PDB file of N, CA and C in Angstrom:
ATOM      1  N   UNK A   1      11.647 -12.473   7.721  1.00  0.00           N
ATOM      2  CA  UNK A   1      10.754 -11.469   7.168  1.00  0.00           C
ATOM      3  C   UNK A   1       9.675 -12.154   6.343  1.00  0.00           C
ATOM      4  N   UNK A   2       8.546 -11.483   6.175  1.00  0.00           N
ATOM      5  CA  UNK A   2       7.438 -12.045   5.420  1.00  0.00           C
ATOM      6  C   UNK A   2       7.684 -12.013   3.930  1.00  0.00           C
ATOM      7  N   UNK A   3       6.676 -12.400   3.201  1.00  0.00           N
ATOM      8  CA  UNK A   3       6.740 -12.419   1.743  1.00  0.00           C
ATOM      9  C   UNK A   3       6.178 -11.104   1.224  1.00  0.00           C
ATOM     10  N   UNK A   4       6.845 -10.517   0.252  1.00  0.00           N
ATOM     11  CA  UNK A   4       6.365  -9.276  -0.371  1.00  0.00           C
ATOM     12  C   UNK A   4       6.340  -9.471  -1.877  1.00  0.00           C
ATOM     13  N   UNK A   5       5.389  -8.842  -2.526  1.00  0.00           N
ATOM     14  CA  UNK A   5       5.300  -8.878  -3.973  1.00  0.00           C
ATOM     15  C   UNK A   5       4.505  -7.661  -4.411  1.00  0.00           C
ATOM     16  N   UNK A   6       4.535  -7.362  -5.689  1.00  0.00           N
ATOM     17  CA  UNK A   6       3.857  -6.187  -6.220  1.00  0.00           C
ATOM     18  C   UNK A   6       2.686  -6.577  -7.107  1.00  0.00           C
ATOM     19  N   UNK A   7       1.714  -5.670  -7.202  1.00  0.00           N
ATOM     20  CA  UNK A   7       0.574  -5.843  -8.097  1.00  0.00           C
ATOM     21  C   UNK A   7       0.138  -4.450  -8.535  1.00  0.00           C
ATOM     22  N   UNK A   8      -0.647  -4.387  -9.595  1.00  0.00           N
ATOM     23  CA  UNK A   8      -1.132  -3.123 -10.123  1.00  0.00           C
ATOM     24  C   UNK A   8      -2.654  -3.129 -10.115  1.00  0.00           C
ATOM     25  N   UNK A   9      -3.239  -2.010  -9.741  1.00  0.00           N
ATOM     26  CA  UNK A   9      -4.694  -1.879  -9.753  1.00  0.00           C
ATOM     27  C   UNK A   9      -5.133  -1.550 -11.175  1.00  0.00           C
ATOM     28  N   UNK A  10      -6.133  -2.278 -11.682  1.00  0.00           N
ATOM     29  CA  UNK A  10      -6.649  -2.026 -13.034  1.00  0.00           C
ATOM     30  C   UNK A  10      -7.594  -0.827 -13.014  1.00  0.00           C
ATOM     31  N   UNK A  11      -8.015  -0.408 -14.195  1.00  0.00           N
ATOM     32  CA  UNK A  11      -8.948   0.721 -14.301  1.00  0.00           C
ATOM     33  C   UNK A  11     -10.292   0.406 -13.637  1.00  0.00           C
ATOM     34  N   UNK A  12     -10.588  -0.873 -13.462  1.00  0.00           N
ATOM     35  CA  UNK A  12     -11.822  -1.289 -12.789  1.00  0.00           C
ATOM     36  C   UNK A  12     -11.624  -1.476 -11.289  1.00  0.00           C
ATOM     37  N   UNK A  13     -10.440  -1.144 -10.786  1.00  0.00           N
ATOM     38  CA  UNK A  13     -10.174  -1.276  -9.352  1.00  0.00           C
ATOM     39  C   UNK A  13      -9.835  -2.689  -8.928  1.00  0.00           C
ATOM     40  N   UNK A  14      -9.499  -3.553  -9.861  1.00  0.00           N
ATOM     41  CA  UNK A  14      -9.186  -4.939  -9.550  1.00  0.00           C
ATOM     42  C   UNK A  14      -7.683  -5.140  -9.384  1.00  0.00           C
ATOM     43  N   UNK A  15      -7.340  -6.081  -8.522  1.00  0.00           N
ATOM     44  CA  UNK A  15      -5.934  -6.423  -8.288  1.00  0.00           C
ATOM     45  C   UNK A  15      -5.818  -7.939  -8.347  1.00  0.00           C
ATOM     46  N   UNK A  16      -4.806  -8.414  -9.034  1.00  0.00           N
ATOM     47  CA  UNK A  16      -4.512  -9.848  -9.019  1.00  0.00           C
ATOM     48  C   UNK A  16      -3.524 -10.096  -7.893  1.00  0.00           C
ATOM     49  N   UNK A  17      -3.896 -10.950  -6.969  1.00  0.00           N
ATOM     50  CA  UNK A  17      -3.000 -11.277  -5.860  1.00  0.00           C
ATOM     51  C   UNK A  17      -1.906 -12.178  -6.414  1.00  0.00           C
ATOM     52  N   UNK A  18      -0.640 -11.795  -6.247  1.00  0.00           N
ATOM     53  CA  UNK A  18       0.460 -12.594  -6.792  1.00  0.00           C
ATOM     54  C   UNK A  18       0.420 -14.042  -6.290  1.00  0.00           C
ATOM     55  N   UNK A  19       0.834 -14.961  -7.155  1.00  0.00           N
ATOM     56  CA  UNK A  19       0.769 -16.390  -6.856  1.00  0.00           C
ATOM     57  C   UNK A  19       1.478 -16.749  -5.563  1.00  0.00           C
ATOM     58  N   UNK A  20       2.645 -16.167  -5.312  1.00  0.00           N
ATOM     59  CA  UNK A  20       3.375 -16.500  -4.069  1.00  0.00           C
ATOM     60  C   UNK A  20       2.543 -16.148  -2.836  1.00  0.00           C
ATOM     61  N   UNK A  21       1.840 -15.032  -2.910  1.00  0.00           N
ATOM     62  CA  UNK A  21       1.001 -14.606  -1.782  1.00  0.00           C
ATOM     63  C   UNK A  21      -0.206 -15.532  -1.650  1.00  0.00           C
ATOM     64  N   UNK A  22      -0.857 -15.838  -2.783  1.00  0.00           N
ATOM     65  CA  UNK A  22      -2.008 -16.762  -2.754  1.00  0.00           C
ATOM     66  C   UNK A  22      -1.604 -18.102  -2.168  1.00  0.00           C
ATOM     67  N   UNK A  23      -0.465 -18.609  -2.598  1.00  0.00           N
ATOM     68  CA  UNK A  23       0.002 -19.907  -2.095  1.00  0.00           C
ATOM     69  C   UNK A  23       0.264 -19.853  -0.596  1.00  0.00           C
ATOM     70  N   UNK A  24       0.899 -18.788  -0.144  1.00  0.00           N
ATOM     71  CA  UNK A  24       1.236 -18.654   1.281  1.00  0.00           C
ATOM     72  C   UNK A  24      -0.010 -18.585   2.153  1.00  0.00           C
ATOM     73  N   UNK A  25      -1.056 -17.892   1.652  1.00  0.00           N
ATOM     74  CA  UNK A  25      -2.289 -17.744   2.414  1.00  0.00           C
ATOM     75  C   UNK A  25      -3.295 -18.865   2.153  1.00  0.00           C
ATOM     76  N   UNK A  26      -2.991 -19.728   1.192  1.00  0.00           N
ATOM     77  CA  UNK A  26      -3.913 -20.812   0.861  1.00  0.00           C
ATOM     78  C   UNK A  26      -5.162 -20.311   0.158  1.00  0.00           C
ATOM     79  N   UNK A  27      -5.037 -19.234  -0.604  1.00  0.00           N
ATOM     80  CA  UNK A  27      -6.176 -18.658  -1.316  1.00  0.00           C
ATOM     81  C   UNK A  27      -6.379 -19.382  -2.640  1.00  0.00           C
ATOM     82  N   UNK A  28      -7.603 -19.788  -2.893  1.00  0.00           N
ATOM     83  CA  UNK A  28      -7.950 -20.433  -4.155  1.00  0.00           C
ATOM     84  C   UNK A  28      -9.151 -19.701  -4.755  1.00  0.00           C
ATOM     85  N   UNK A  29      -9.488 -20.027  -5.976  1.00  0.00           N
ATOM     86  CA  UNK A  29     -10.639 -19.395  -6.634  1.00  0.00           C
ATOM     87  C   UNK A  29     -11.874 -19.546  -5.758  1.00  0.00           C
ATOM     88  N   UNK A  30     -12.582 -18.462  -5.561  1.00  0.00           N
ATOM     89  CA  UNK A  30     -13.801 -18.482  -4.752  1.00  0.00           C
ATOM     90  C   UNK A  30     -13.585 -18.166  -3.282  1.00  0.00           C
ATOM     91  N   UNK A  31     -12.337 -18.110  -2.832  1.00  0.00           N
ATOM     92  CA  UNK A  31     -12.061 -17.781  -1.441  1.00  0.00           C
ATOM     93  C   UNK A  31     -12.425 -16.321  -1.194  1.00  0.00           C
ATOM     94  N   UNK A  32     -13.211 -16.067  -0.157  1.00  0.00           N
ATOM     95  CA  UNK A  32     -13.528 -14.688   0.203  1.00  0.00           C
ATOM     96  C   UNK A  32     -12.379 -14.131   1.024  1.00  0.00           C
ATOM     97  N   UNK A  33     -12.004 -12.884   0.718  1.00  0.00           N
ATOM     98  CA  UNK A  33     -10.947 -12.232   1.477  1.00  0.00           C
ATOM     99  C   UNK A  33     -11.479 -10.914   2.010  1.00  0.00           C
ATOM    100  N   UNK A  34     -10.787 -10.389   2.994  1.00  0.00           N
ATOM    101  CA  UNK A  34     -11.158  -9.082   3.509  1.00  0.00           C
ATOM    102  C   UNK A  34      -9.935  -8.181   3.543  1.00  0.00           C
ATOM    103  N   UNK A  35     -10.181  -6.906   3.313  1.00  0.00           N
ATOM    104  CA  UNK A  35      -9.140  -5.894   3.347  1.00  0.00           C
ATOM    105  C   UNK A  35      -9.337  -5.104   4.635  1.00  0.00           C
ATOM    106  N   UNK A  36      -8.275  -4.939   5.400  1.00  0.00           N
ATOM    107  CA  UNK A  36      -8.336  -4.214   6.661  1.00  0.00           C
ATOM    108  C   UNK A  36      -7.336  -3.075   6.598  1.00  0.00           C
ATOM    109  N   UNK A  37      -7.819  -1.858   6.797  1.00  0.00           N
ATOM    110  CA  UNK A  37      -6.925  -0.707   6.827  1.00  0.00           C
ATOM    111  C   UNK A  37      -6.494  -0.502   8.275  1.00  0.00           C
ATOM    112  N   UNK A  38      -5.194  -0.619   8.508  1.00  0.00           N
ATOM    113  CA  UNK A  38      -4.647  -0.438   9.842  1.00  0.00           C
ATOM    114  C   UNK A  38      -4.537   1.051  10.154  1.00  0.00           C
ATOM    115  N   UNK A  39      -4.386   1.382  11.430  1.00  0.00           N
ATOM    116  CA  UNK A  39      -4.333   2.778  11.853  1.00  0.00           C
ATOM    117  C   UNK A  39      -3.220   3.559  11.163  1.00  0.00           C
ATOM    118  N   UNK A  40      -2.085   2.912  10.922  1.00  0.00           N
ATOM    119  CA  UNK A  40      -0.954   3.624  10.309  1.00  0.00           C
ATOM    120  C   UNK A  40      -1.083   3.721   8.790  1.00  0.00           C
ATOM    121  N   UNK A  41      -2.207   3.226   8.238  1.00  0.00           N
ATOM    122  CA  UNK A  41      -2.461   3.358   6.812  1.00  0.00           C
ATOM    123  C   UNK A  41      -2.083   2.151   5.971  1.00  0.00           C
ATOM    124  N   UNK A  42      -1.530   1.119   6.580  1.00  0.00           N
ATOM    125  CA  UNK A  42      -1.223  -0.077   5.809  1.00  0.00           C
ATOM    126  C   UNK A  42      -2.499  -0.888   5.605  1.00  0.00           C
ATOM    127  N   UNK A  43      -2.485  -1.716   4.584  1.00  0.00           N
ATOM    128  CA  UNK A  43      -3.631  -2.571   4.292  1.00  0.00           C
ATOM    129  C   UNK A  43      -3.233  -4.015   4.553  1.00  0.00           C
ATOM    130  N   UNK A  44      -4.082  -4.712   5.269  1.00  0.00           N
ATOM    131  CA  UNK A  44      -3.863  -6.129   5.535  1.00  0.00           C
ATOM    132  C   UNK A  44      -4.926  -6.897   4.759  1.00  0.00           C
ATOM    133  N   UNK A  45      -4.510  -7.963   4.084  1.00  0.00           N
ATOM    134  CA  UNK A  45      -5.423  -8.818   3.335  1.00  0.00           C
ATOM    135  C   UNK A  45      -5.370 -10.196   3.972  1.00  0.00           C
ATOM    136  N   UNK A  46      -6.541 -10.763   4.238  1.00  0.00           N
ATOM    137  CA  UNK A  46      -6.563 -12.092   4.843  1.00  0.00           C
ATOM    138  C   UNK A  46      -7.817 -12.831   4.403  1.00  0.00           C
ATOM    139  N   UNK A  47      -7.765 -14.165   4.456  1.00  0.00           N
ATOM    140  CA  UNK A  47      -8.974 -14.922   4.139  1.00  0.00           C
ATOM    141  C   UNK A  47     -10.070 -14.545   5.137  1.00  0.00           C
ATOM    142  N   UNK A  48     -11.278 -14.408   4.658  1.00  0.00           N
ATOM    143  CA  UNK A  48     -12.403 -14.059   5.528  1.00  0.00           C
ATOM    144  C   UNK A  48     -12.834 -15.295   6.302  1.00  0.00           C
ATOM    145  N   UNK A  49     -12.901 -15.147   7.605  1.00  0.00           N
ATOM    146  CA  UNK A  49     -13.305 -16.266   8.448  1.00  0.00           C
ATOM    147  C   UNK A  49     -14.826 -16.340   8.535  1.00  0.00           C
ATOM    148  N   UNK A  50     -15.368 -17.538   8.594  1.00  0.00           N
ATOM    149  CA  UNK A  50     -16.808 -17.662   8.826  1.00  0.00           C
ATOM    150  C   UNK A  50     -17.158 -17.024  10.179  1.00  0.00           C
ATOM    151  N   UNK A  51     -18.383 -16.496  10.339  1.00  0.00           N
ATOM    152  CA  UNK A  51     -18.755 -15.799  11.577  1.00  0.00           C
ATOM    153  C   UNK A  51     -18.471 -16.585  12.858  1.00  0.00           C
ATOM    154  N   UNK A  52     -18.770 -17.879  12.867  1.00  0.00           N
ATOM    155  CA  UNK A  52     -18.543 -18.669  14.077  1.00  0.00           C
ATOM    156  C   UNK A  52     -17.058 -18.761  14.406  1.00  0.00           C
ATOM    157  N   UNK A  53     -16.239 -18.900  13.374  1.00  0.00           N
ATOM    158  CA  UNK A  53     -14.796 -18.945  13.592  1.00  0.00           C
ATOM    159  C   UNK A  53     -14.290 -17.605  14.117  1.00  0.00           C
ATOM    160  N   UNK A  54     -14.882 -16.515  13.621  1.00  0.00           N
ATOM    161  CA  UNK A  54     -14.508 -15.188  14.117  1.00  0.00           C
ATOM    162  C   UNK A  54     -14.807 -15.064  15.599  1.00  0.00           C
ATOM    163  N   UNK A  55     -15.979 -15.551  16.015  1.00  0.00           N
ATOM    164  CA  UNK A  55     -16.322 -15.503  17.437  1.00  0.00           C
ATOM    165  C   UNK A  55     -15.342 -16.322  18.265  1.00  0.00           C
ATOM    166  N   UNK A  56     -14.965 -17.475  17.745  1.00  0.00           N
ATOM    167  CA  UNK A  56     -13.972 -18.289  18.458  1.00  0.00           C
ATOM    168  C   UNK A  56     -12.646 -17.543  18.582  1.00  0.00           C
ATOM    169  N   UNK A  57     -12.250 -16.839  17.523  1.00  0.00           N
ATOM    170  CA  UNK A  57     -11.006 -16.074  17.546  1.00  0.00           C
ATOM    171  C   UNK A  57     -11.070 -14.977  18.596  1.00  0.00           C
ATOM    172  N   UNK A  58     -12.218 -14.302  18.680  1.00  0.00           N
ATOM    173  CA  UNK A  58     -12.381 -13.257  19.689  1.00  0.00           C
ATOM    174  C   UNK A  58     -12.281 -13.865  21.083  1.00  0.00           C
ATOM    175  N   UNK A  59     -12.931 -15.001  21.268  1.00  0.00           N
ATOM    176  CA  UNK A  59     -12.894 -15.670  22.574  1.00  0.00           C
ATOM    177  C   UNK A  59     -11.462 -16.046  22.938  1.00  0.00           C
ATOM    178  N   UNK A  60     -10.702 -16.551  21.962  1.00  0.00           N
ATOM    179  CA  UNK A  60      -9.312 -16.916  22.224  1.00  0.00           C
ATOM    180  C   UNK A  60      -8.483 -15.695  22.599  1.00  0.00           C
ATOM    181  N   UNK A  61      -8.704 -14.569  21.904  1.00  0.00           N
ATOM    182  CA  UNK A  61      -7.965 -13.349  22.225  1.00  0.00           C
ATOM    183  C   UNK A  61      -8.329 -12.848  23.612  1.00  0.00           C
ATOM    184  N   UNK A  62      -9.638 -12.911  23.940  1.00  0.00           N
ATOM    185  CA  UNK A  62     -10.063 -12.465  25.264  1.00  0.00           C
ATOM    186  C   UNK A  62      -9.518 -13.360  26.373  1.00  0.00           C
ATOM    187  N   UNK A  63      -9.292 -14.631  26.056  1.00  0.00           N
ATOM    188  CA  UNK A  63      -8.791 -15.549  27.082  1.00  0.00           C
ATOM    189  C   UNK A  63      -7.380 -15.179  27.539  1.00  0.00           C
ATOM    190  N   UNK A  64      -6.687 -14.352  26.750  1.00  0.00           N
ATOM    191  CA  UNK A  64      -5.358 -13.888  27.140  1.00  0.00           C
ATOM    192  C   UNK A  64      -5.440 -12.851  28.256  1.00  0.00           C
ATOM    193  N   UNK A  65      -6.626 -12.300  28.476  1.00  0.00           N
ATOM    194  CA  UNK A  65      -6.833 -11.272  29.480  1.00  0.00           C
ATOM    195  C   UNK A  65      -7.718 -11.821  30.589  1.00  0.00           C
ATOM    196  N   UNK A  66      -7.760 -11.099  31.676  1.00  0.00           N
ATOM    197  CA  UNK A  66      -8.602 -11.508  32.797  1.00  0.00           C
ATOM    198  C   UNK A  66     -10.015 -11.000  32.560  1.00  0.00           C
ATOM    199  N   UNK A  67     -10.731 -11.695  31.686  1.00  0.00           N
ATOM    200  CA  UNK A  67     -12.086 -11.290  31.304  1.00  0.00           C
ATOM    201  C   UNK A  67     -13.031 -12.443  31.607  1.00  0.00           C
ATOM    202  N   UNK A  68     -14.133 -12.123  32.279  1.00  0.00           N
ATOM    203  CA  UNK A  68     -15.148 -13.127  32.582  1.00  0.00           C
ATOM    204  C   UNK A  68     -16.207 -13.073  31.479  1.00  0.00           C
ATOM    205  N   UNK A  69     -16.120 -14.002  30.543  1.00  0.00           N
ATOM    206  CA  UNK A  69     -17.028 -14.019  29.391  1.00  0.00           C
ATOM    207  C   UNK A  69     -18.480 -14.165  29.841  1.00  0.00           C
ATOM    208  N   UNK A  70     -18.715 -15.021  30.829  1.00  0.00           N
ATOM    209  CA  UNK A  70     -20.088 -15.233  31.302  1.00  0.00           C
ATOM    210  C   UNK A  70     -20.655 -13.949  31.906  1.00  0.00           C
ATOM    211  N   UNK A  71     -19.829 -13.209  32.635  1.00  0.00           N
ATOM    212  CA  UNK A  71     -20.284 -11.940  33.203  1.00  0.00           C
ATOM    213  C   UNK A  71     -20.612 -10.947  32.080  1.00  0.00           C
ATOM    214  N   UNK A  72     -19.766 -10.904  31.063  1.00  0.00           N
ATOM    215  CA  UNK A  72     -20.035 -10.026  29.924  1.00  0.00           C
ATOM    216  C   UNK A  72     -21.348 -10.404  29.250  1.00  0.00           C
ATOM    217  N   UNK A  73     -21.595 -11.699  29.131  1.00  0.00           N
ATOM    218  CA  UNK A  73     -22.827 -12.172  28.504  1.00  0.00           C
ATOM    219  C   UNK A  73     -24.046 -11.738  29.326  1.00  0.00           C
ATOM    220  N   UNK A  74     -23.955 -11.901  30.669  1.00  0.00           N
ATOM    221  CA  UNK A  74     -25.064 -11.503  31.539  1.00  0.00           C
ATOM    222  C   UNK A  74     -25.315  -9.992  31.447  1.00  0.00           C
ATOM    223  N   UNK A  75     -24.235  -9.204  31.478  1.00  0.00           N
ATOM    224  CA  UNK A  75     -24.371  -7.749  31.399  1.00  0.00           C
ATOM    225  C   UNK A  75     -24.964  -7.330  30.058  1.00  0.00           C
ATOM    226  N   UNK A  76     -24.526  -7.967  28.992  1.00  0.00           N
ATOM    227  CA  UNK A  76     -25.044  -7.645  27.667  1.00  0.00           C
ATOM    228  C   UNK A  76     -26.529  -7.976  27.576  1.00  0.00           C
ATOM    229  N   UNK A  77     -26.890  -9.143  28.099  1.00  0.00           N
ATOM    230  CA  UNK A  77     -28.296  -9.559  28.066  1.00  0.00           C
ATOM    231  C   UNK A  77     -29.152  -8.593  28.873  1.00  0.00           C
ATOM    232  N   UNK A  78     -28.664  -8.193  30.039  1.00  0.00           N
ATOM    233  CA  UNK A  78     -29.413  -7.254  30.875  1.00  0.00           C
ATOM    234  C   UNK A  78     -29.561  -5.906  30.175  1.00  0.00           C
ATOM    235  N   UNK A  79     -28.496  -5.442  29.541  1.00  0.00           N
ATOM    236  CA  UNK A  79     -28.546  -4.158  28.845  1.00  0.00           C
ATOM    237  C   UNK A  79     -29.542  -4.208  27.693  1.00  0.00           C
ATOM    238  N   UNK A  80     -29.510  -5.278  26.934  1.00  0.00           N
ATOM    239  CA  UNK A  80     -30.439  -5.388  25.811  1.00  0.00           C
ATOM    240  C   UNK A  80     -31.871  -5.573  26.300  1.00  0.00           C
ATOM    241  N   UNK A  81     -32.057  -6.316  27.387  1.00  0.00           N
ATOM    242  CA  UNK A  81     -33.398  -6.523  27.928  1.00  0.00           C
ATOM    243  C   UNK A  81     -34.008  -5.194  28.359  1.00  0.00           C
ATOM    244  N   UNK A  82     -33.222  -4.382  29.062  1.00  0.00           N
ATOM    245  CA  UNK A  82     -33.747  -3.097  29.505  1.00  0.00           C
ATOM    246  C   UNK A  82     -34.025  -2.187  28.320  1.00  0.00           C
ATOM    247  N   UNK A  83     -33.211  -2.268  27.277  1.00  0.00           N
ATOM    248  CA  UNK A  83     -33.420  -1.459  26.077  1.00  0.00           C
ATOM    249  C   UNK A  83     -34.712  -1.875  25.379  1.00  0.00           C
ATOM    250  N   UNK A  84     -34.939  -3.161  25.287  1.00  0.00           N
ATOM    251  CA  UNK A  84     -36.156  -3.666  24.633  1.00  0.00           C
ATOM    252  C   UNK A  84     -37.382  -3.301  25.461  1.00  0.00           C
ATOM    253  N   UNK A  85     -37.275  -3.436  26.791  1.00  0.00           N
ATOM    254  CA  UNK A  85     -38.391  -3.078  27.664  1.00  0.00           C
ATOM    255  C   UNK A  85     -38.758  -1.608  27.505  1.00  0.00           C
ATOM    256  N   UNK A  86     -37.759  -0.711  27.351  1.00  0.00           N
ATOM    257  CA  UNK A  86     -38.012   0.714  27.186  1.00  0.00           C
ATOM    258  C   UNK A  86     -38.759   0.974  25.889  1.00  0.00           C
ATOM    259  N   UNK A  87     -38.425   0.249  24.837  1.00  0.00           N
ATOM    260  CA  UNK A  87     -39.063   0.446  23.535  1.00  0.00           C
ATOM    261  C   UNK A  87     -40.523   0.044  23.546  1.00  0.00           C
ATOM    262  N   UNK A  88     -40.895  -0.894  24.410  1.00  0.00           N
ATOM    263  CA  UNK A  88     -42.255  -1.387  24.445  1.00  0.00           C
ATOM    264  C   UNK A  88     -43.180  -0.477  25.238  1.00  0.00           C
ATOM    265  N   UNK A  89     -42.614   0.440  26.021  1.00  0.00           N
ATOM    266  CA  UNK A  89     -43.478   1.313  26.827  1.00  0.00           C
ATOM    267  C   UNK A  89     -43.878   2.546  26.091  1.00  0.00           C
TER     268      UNK A  89
END
């Protein structure tokens, strides 16, 4: 099972992430984090990934499926090109 700990929200809406959780996630002062509300109402907290790393993560997840990334790129480019062409007329 994972690590669980408790914290209290201050009157300013601030929460101190418990040390055990910070240590497990490798969070240090200045680390940006993101809060994600899952469909069932739980909140997930994780270190915020730089944009390029996020794209790599998406690519890795897509590689688990039969998805042609190059085809998606071509279709996206064509869709945006036609949209831009419409705006210019």
